[in-house]
Protein backbone atom coordinates (compact mmCIF):
# COMPACT_ATOMS: atom_id res chain seq x y z
CA MET A 1 58.40 -0.73 22.07
CA ILE A 2 59.53 -4.33 22.29
CA HIS A 3 63.28 -4.51 21.86
CA ALA A 4 64.81 -7.40 19.97
CA ASN A 5 68.28 -8.16 18.72
CA CYS A 6 69.50 -10.30 15.93
CA HIS A 7 73.00 -11.52 15.22
CA THR A 8 74.64 -13.77 12.68
CA ALA A 9 76.22 -17.02 13.83
CA ASP A 10 79.67 -15.58 13.21
CA ASN A 11 78.75 -12.39 15.15
CA VAL A 12 79.87 -10.21 12.24
CA ARG A 13 76.44 -8.58 12.05
CA CYS A 14 74.35 -7.63 15.07
CA ILE A 15 71.44 -5.20 15.23
CA GLU A 16 68.69 -4.12 17.59
CA PHE A 17 65.20 -3.47 16.28
CA ASP A 18 61.60 -2.91 17.36
CA ALA A 19 59.61 -6.16 17.25
CA THR A 20 56.31 -4.47 18.16
CA PRO A 21 54.85 -4.66 14.62
CA TRP A 22 55.26 -8.42 14.66
CA PHE A 23 53.46 -8.71 18.00
CA SER A 24 50.64 -6.52 16.67
CA GLU A 25 50.03 -8.79 13.71
CA ALA A 26 51.04 -12.29 14.83
CA ASP A 27 48.43 -14.85 15.71
CA ALA A 28 48.21 -16.07 19.29
CA LEU A 29 49.77 -19.47 18.52
CA SER A 30 52.87 -17.83 17.04
CA ILE A 31 53.32 -15.64 20.11
CA VAL A 32 52.83 -18.58 22.48
CA ASP A 33 55.37 -20.58 20.44
CA LEU A 34 57.85 -17.71 20.69
CA ALA A 35 57.42 -17.56 24.47
CA GLN A 36 57.90 -21.32 24.77
CA ARG A 37 61.13 -21.04 22.78
CA GLY A 38 62.55 -18.60 25.32
CA TRP A 39 61.66 -15.55 23.20
CA THR A 40 64.04 -16.68 20.44
CA SER A 41 62.90 -17.16 16.86
CA THR A 42 63.78 -16.25 13.30
CA ALA A 43 60.07 -16.00 12.41
CA ILE A 44 60.03 -12.38 13.53
CA VAL A 45 62.77 -11.53 11.06
CA ASP A 46 61.00 -13.35 8.24
CA SER A 47 57.98 -11.15 8.87
CA LEU A 48 59.76 -7.81 9.28
CA GLU A 49 62.83 -7.87 7.03
CA HIS A 50 61.06 -6.49 3.93
CA ARG A 51 59.34 -3.60 5.69
CA GLN A 52 60.40 -0.02 5.32
CA GLY A 53 62.67 0.89 8.22
CA TYR A 54 63.94 -2.67 8.62
CA GLU A 55 66.53 -2.57 5.83
CA ARG A 56 69.39 -3.39 8.22
CA LEU A 57 67.52 -6.51 9.30
CA HIS A 58 67.17 -7.54 5.67
CA ASP A 59 70.89 -6.91 5.13
CA LEU A 60 71.69 -9.19 8.07
CA VAL A 61 69.54 -11.99 6.65
CA GLU A 62 71.08 -11.55 3.22
CA TYR A 63 74.59 -11.67 4.69
CA ALA A 64 73.71 -14.85 6.62
CA ALA A 65 72.31 -16.47 3.50
CA LYS A 66 75.22 -15.58 1.24
CA ARG A 67 78.14 -15.95 3.64
CA LEU A 68 77.04 -18.61 6.10
CA GLN A 69 74.58 -20.83 4.21
CA LEU A 70 77.33 -23.02 2.74
CA GLU A 71 78.53 -23.90 6.24
CA SER A 72 75.01 -24.88 7.23
CA LEU A 73 74.84 -27.51 4.46
CA GLU A 74 76.95 -29.82 6.60
CA ASP A 75 74.53 -29.43 9.51
CA PRO A 76 71.01 -28.42 8.42
CA THR A 77 70.02 -27.69 12.04
CA TRP A 78 72.69 -24.99 12.33
CA GLU A 79 71.08 -21.55 12.36
CA THR A 80 72.90 -18.86 10.39
CA PHE A 81 71.39 -16.15 12.59
CA GLU A 82 69.48 -15.83 15.83
CA CYS A 83 66.95 -13.30 17.07
CA VAL A 84 66.00 -12.74 20.68
CA VAL A 85 63.11 -10.65 21.97
CA ASP A 86 63.13 -8.92 25.35
CA GLY A 87 60.67 -11.24 27.14
CA PRO A 88 59.63 -8.88 29.98
CA GLU A 89 58.97 -6.07 27.48
CA ALA A 90 56.95 -8.46 25.32
CA VAL A 91 54.82 -9.60 28.26
CA ALA A 92 54.24 -6.00 29.40
CA TRP A 93 53.19 -5.01 25.89
CA LEU A 94 50.91 -8.03 25.58
CA GLU A 95 49.27 -7.29 28.95
CA LYS A 96 48.40 -3.83 27.71
CA ASN A 97 47.56 -4.55 24.08
CA ARG A 98 46.62 -8.23 23.75
CA PRO A 99 45.72 -9.45 27.26
CA ASN A 100 43.97 -12.58 25.97
CA ILE A 101 47.36 -13.98 24.96
CA VAL A 102 49.11 -13.36 28.29
CA ALA A 103 47.15 -16.12 30.04
CA LYS A 104 48.33 -18.59 27.39
CA ILE A 105 52.02 -17.89 27.97
CA SER A 106 51.99 -17.80 31.76
């Protein structure tokens, strides 16, 4: 399991979830990009939020869109939510399951 957490910019919503399905399906470039961003990206949420078992993640995204999107109009670079993956867990999982990618992120 690769732990990840996601929280809204106002910290009203915060959840932990398993990001392993994303790592199983993501292309190598997306994983390398995630590592280069310090294991922080909303792309994981975009991929997982509509899956069964990830309803709370979808609720967080919906809350961010409805409650915080208006504030982001003033500053389009402002993120309404942030997701962070446990980097050491991700690397350990990649070493075991997708070793060809590990060399690209080291």
